[in-house]
């Protein structure tokens, strides 16, 4: 859930460098959404996954987030009017367009 964008970014960069795999299982909101910036072979989403995005408190933070999301996810956001103060949610088949589904019934976080 959320947290500091900068802290989450450095955590994700460490994961990217290590090749570690991340399973999104349940709610992944705010800064957690930066996991979408991982290569598809390093991240997957279970059927329970829900990603929520919103604009950051400062415009530079919003620009930072948008610059790290994959192009297709940025387009999804922009097609809905861009990031707003209110959370925008994505899950299920719509999310599977941006994060590969996990094989089997993964239950990790």
C-alpha atoms as a PDB file:
ATOM      1  CA  UNK A   1       0.000   0.000   0.000  1.00  0.00           C
ATOM      2  CA  UNK A   2       1.310   3.394  -0.992  1.00  0.00           C
ATOM      3  CA  UNK A   3       4.197   4.860   0.890  1.00  0.00           C
ATOM      4  CA  UNK A   4       6.944   7.152  -0.239  1.00  0.00           C
ATOM      5  CA  UNK A   5       7.389   7.280  -4.012  1.00  0.00           C
ATOM      6  CA  UNK A   6      11.161   7.727  -3.633  1.00  0.00           C
ATOM      7  CA  UNK A   7      11.511   4.808  -1.210  1.00  0.00           C
ATOM      8  CA  UNK A   8       9.384   2.548  -3.398  1.00  0.00           C
ATOM      9  CA  UNK A   9      11.335   3.570  -6.493  1.00  0.00           C
ATOM     10  CA  UNK A  10      14.681   2.574  -4.921  1.00  0.00           C
ATOM     11  CA  UNK A  11      13.174  -0.677  -3.637  1.00  0.00           C
ATOM     12  CA  UNK A  12      11.945  -1.513  -7.134  1.00  0.00           C
ATOM     13  CA  UNK A  13      15.283  -0.613  -8.701  1.00  0.00           C
ATOM     14  CA  UNK A  14      16.962  -3.082  -6.295  1.00  0.00           C
ATOM     15  CA  UNK A  15      14.426  -5.744  -7.294  1.00  0.00           C
ATOM     16  CA  UNK A  16      14.996  -4.996 -10.979  1.00  0.00           C
ATOM     17  CA  UNK A  17      18.770  -5.350 -10.572  1.00  0.00           C
ATOM     18  CA  UNK A  18      18.482  -8.592  -8.589  1.00  0.00           C
ATOM     19  CA  UNK A  19      16.119 -10.254 -11.052  1.00  0.00           C
ATOM     20  CA  UNK A  20      13.756 -11.047  -8.176  1.00  0.00           C
ATOM     21  CA  UNK A  21      10.130 -11.823  -9.087  1.00  0.00           C
ATOM     22  CA  UNK A  22       7.198  -9.895  -7.598  1.00  0.00           C
ATOM     23  CA  UNK A  23       3.647 -11.197  -7.238  1.00  0.00           C
ATOM     24  CA  UNK A  24       0.921  -8.586  -6.847  1.00  0.00           C
ATOM     25  CA  UNK A  25      -1.833 -10.245  -4.838  1.00  0.00           C
ATOM     26  CA  UNK A  26      -4.440  -7.918  -3.400  1.00  0.00           C
ATOM     27  CA  UNK A  27      -4.332  -4.136  -3.134  1.00  0.00           C
ATOM     28  CA  UNK A  28      -1.422  -2.261  -4.700  1.00  0.00           C
ATOM     29  CA  UNK A  29      -2.179   1.446  -4.412  1.00  0.00           C
ATOM     30  CA  UNK A  30      -0.307   4.712  -4.910  1.00  0.00           C
ATOM     31  CA  UNK A  31       3.492   4.274  -4.876  1.00  0.00           C
ATOM     32  CA  UNK A  32       3.028   0.500  -5.021  1.00  0.00           C
ATOM     33  CA  UNK A  33       1.851   0.994  -8.602  1.00  0.00           C
ATOM     34  CA  UNK A  34       5.499   1.574  -9.546  1.00  0.00           C
ATOM     35  CA  UNK A  35       5.799  -2.223  -9.666  1.00  0.00           C
ATOM     36  CA  UNK A  36       4.245  -1.890 -13.102  1.00  0.00           C
ATOM     37  CA  UNK A  37       7.591  -0.433 -14.199  1.00  0.00           C
ATOM     38  CA  UNK A  38       9.291  -3.809 -13.720  1.00  0.00           C
ATOM     39  CA  UNK A  39       9.939  -5.931 -16.808  1.00  0.00           C
ATOM     40  CA  UNK A  40       7.046  -8.351 -17.464  1.00  0.00           C
ATOM     41  CA  UNK A  41       9.237 -11.331 -16.610  1.00  0.00           C
ATOM     42  CA  UNK A  42       9.741  -9.943 -13.090  1.00  0.00           C
ATOM     43  CA  UNK A  43       6.146  -9.196 -12.103  1.00  0.00           C
ATOM     44  CA  UNK A  44       2.775 -10.898 -12.263  1.00  0.00           C
ATOM     45  CA  UNK A  45      -0.691 -10.308 -10.823  1.00  0.00           C
ATOM     46  CA  UNK A  46      -3.072 -12.808  -9.268  1.00  0.00           C
ATOM     47  CA  UNK A  47      -6.836 -12.707  -9.744  1.00  0.00           C
ATOM     48  CA  UNK A  48      -7.047 -10.820  -6.436  1.00  0.00           C
ATOM     49  CA  UNK A  49      -4.783  -7.968  -7.598  1.00  0.00           C
ATOM     50  CA  UNK A  50      -6.167  -4.434  -7.718  1.00  0.00           C
ATOM     51  CA  UNK A  51      -3.898  -1.548  -8.692  1.00  0.00           C
ATOM     52  CA  UNK A  52      -4.895   1.979  -7.712  1.00  0.00           C
ATOM     53  CA  UNK A  53      -3.260   5.129  -9.054  1.00  0.00           C
ATOM     54  CA  UNK A  54      -3.712   8.835  -8.365  1.00  0.00           C
ATOM     55  CA  UNK A  55      -1.744  12.012  -8.865  1.00  0.00           C
ATOM     56  CA  UNK A  56       0.982  12.822  -6.386  1.00  0.00           C
ATOM     57  CA  UNK A  57       0.818  15.738  -3.986  1.00  0.00           C
ATOM     58  CA  UNK A  58       3.295  17.701  -6.097  1.00  0.00           C
ATOM     59  CA  UNK A  59       3.257  17.953  -9.920  1.00  0.00           C
ATOM     60  CA  UNK A  60       6.869  16.758 -10.101  1.00  0.00           C
ATOM     61  CA  UNK A  61       5.835  13.589  -8.263  1.00  0.00           C
ATOM     62  CA  UNK A  62       3.045  12.950 -10.754  1.00  0.00           C
ATOM     63  CA  UNK A  63       5.471  13.480 -13.639  1.00  0.00           C
ATOM     64  CA  UNK A  64       7.913  11.062 -11.965  1.00  0.00           C
ATOM     65  CA  UNK A  65       5.244   8.352 -11.691  1.00  0.00           C
ATOM     66  CA  UNK A  66       4.008   8.787 -15.237  1.00  0.00           C
ATOM     67  CA  UNK A  67       7.542   8.672 -16.651  1.00  0.00           C
ATOM     68  CA  UNK A  68       8.104   5.256 -15.064  1.00  0.00           C
ATOM     69  CA  UNK A  69       4.863   3.562 -16.037  1.00  0.00           C
ATOM     70  CA  UNK A  70       4.934   1.501 -19.243  1.00  0.00           C
ATOM     71  CA  UNK A  71       3.703   3.414 -22.301  1.00  0.00           C
ATOM     72  CA  UNK A  72       0.526   1.321 -22.599  1.00  0.00           C
ATOM     73  CA  UNK A  73      -0.366   1.999 -18.952  1.00  0.00           C
ATOM     74  CA  UNK A  74       0.270   5.730 -19.424  1.00  0.00           C
ATOM     75  CA  UNK A  75      -2.099   5.627 -22.390  1.00  0.00           C
ATOM     76  CA  UNK A  76      -4.733   3.886 -20.242  1.00  0.00           C
ATOM     77  CA  UNK A  77      -4.392   6.644 -17.637  1.00  0.00           C
ATOM     78  CA  UNK A  78      -4.465   9.415 -20.239  1.00  0.00           C
ATOM     79  CA  UNK A  79      -7.551   7.891 -21.909  1.00  0.00           C
ATOM     80  CA  UNK A  80      -9.317   8.430 -18.568  1.00  0.00           C
ATOM     81  CA  UNK A  81      -8.299  12.069 -18.277  1.00  0.00           C
ATOM     82  CA  UNK A  82      -4.911  11.590 -16.586  1.00  0.00           C
ATOM     83  CA  UNK A  83      -4.060  11.059 -12.953  1.00  0.00           C
ATOM     84  CA  UNK A  84      -6.477  12.748 -10.581  1.00  0.00           C
ATOM     85  CA  UNK A  85      -6.673  13.298  -6.838  1.00  0.00           C
ATOM     86  CA  UNK A  86      -9.164  10.439  -6.596  1.00  0.00           C
ATOM     87  CA  UNK A  87      -7.896   6.879  -6.957  1.00  0.00           C
ATOM     88  CA  UNK A  88      -8.428   5.127 -10.295  1.00  0.00           C
ATOM     89  CA  UNK A  89      -8.598   1.339  -9.984  1.00  0.00           C
ATOM     90  CA  UNK A  90      -7.716  -1.407 -12.431  1.00  0.00           C
ATOM     91  CA  UNK A  91      -8.025  -5.156 -11.982  1.00  0.00           C
ATOM     92  CA  UNK A  92      -8.917  -8.384 -13.769  1.00  0.00           C
ATOM     93  CA  UNK A  93      -8.662  -8.550 -17.538  1.00  0.00           C
ATOM     94  CA  UNK A  94      -7.945  -4.837 -17.825  1.00  0.00           C
ATOM     95  CA  UNK A  95      -4.929  -5.194 -15.504  1.00  0.00           C
ATOM     96  CA  UNK A  96      -3.744  -8.279 -17.412  1.00  0.00           C
ATOM     97  CA  UNK A  97      -3.058  -5.985 -20.379  1.00  0.00           C
ATOM     98  CA  UNK A  98      -0.284  -4.360 -18.330  1.00  0.00           C
ATOM     99  CA  UNK A  99       0.892  -7.045 -15.880  1.00  0.00           C
ATOM    100  CA  UNK A 100       1.067 -10.702 -16.847  1.00  0.00           C
ATOM    101  CA  UNK A 101      -1.254 -12.984 -14.879  1.00  0.00           C
ATOM    102  CA  UNK A 102       0.552 -15.254 -12.434  1.00  0.00           C
ATOM    103  CA  UNK A 103       0.680 -18.907 -13.358  1.00  0.00           C
ATOM    104  CA  UNK A 104      -1.511 -21.134 -11.179  1.00  0.00           C
ATOM    105  CA  UNK A 105      -2.895 -19.741  -7.940  1.00  0.00           C
ATOM    106  CA  UNK A 106      -0.003 -17.701  -6.568  1.00  0.00           C
ATOM    107  CA  UNK A 107      -0.783 -16.226  -3.176  1.00  0.00           C
ATOM    108  CA  UNK A 108       2.379 -14.298  -2.359  1.00  0.00           C
ATOM    109  CA  UNK A 109       2.453 -10.545  -1.743  1.00  0.00           C
END
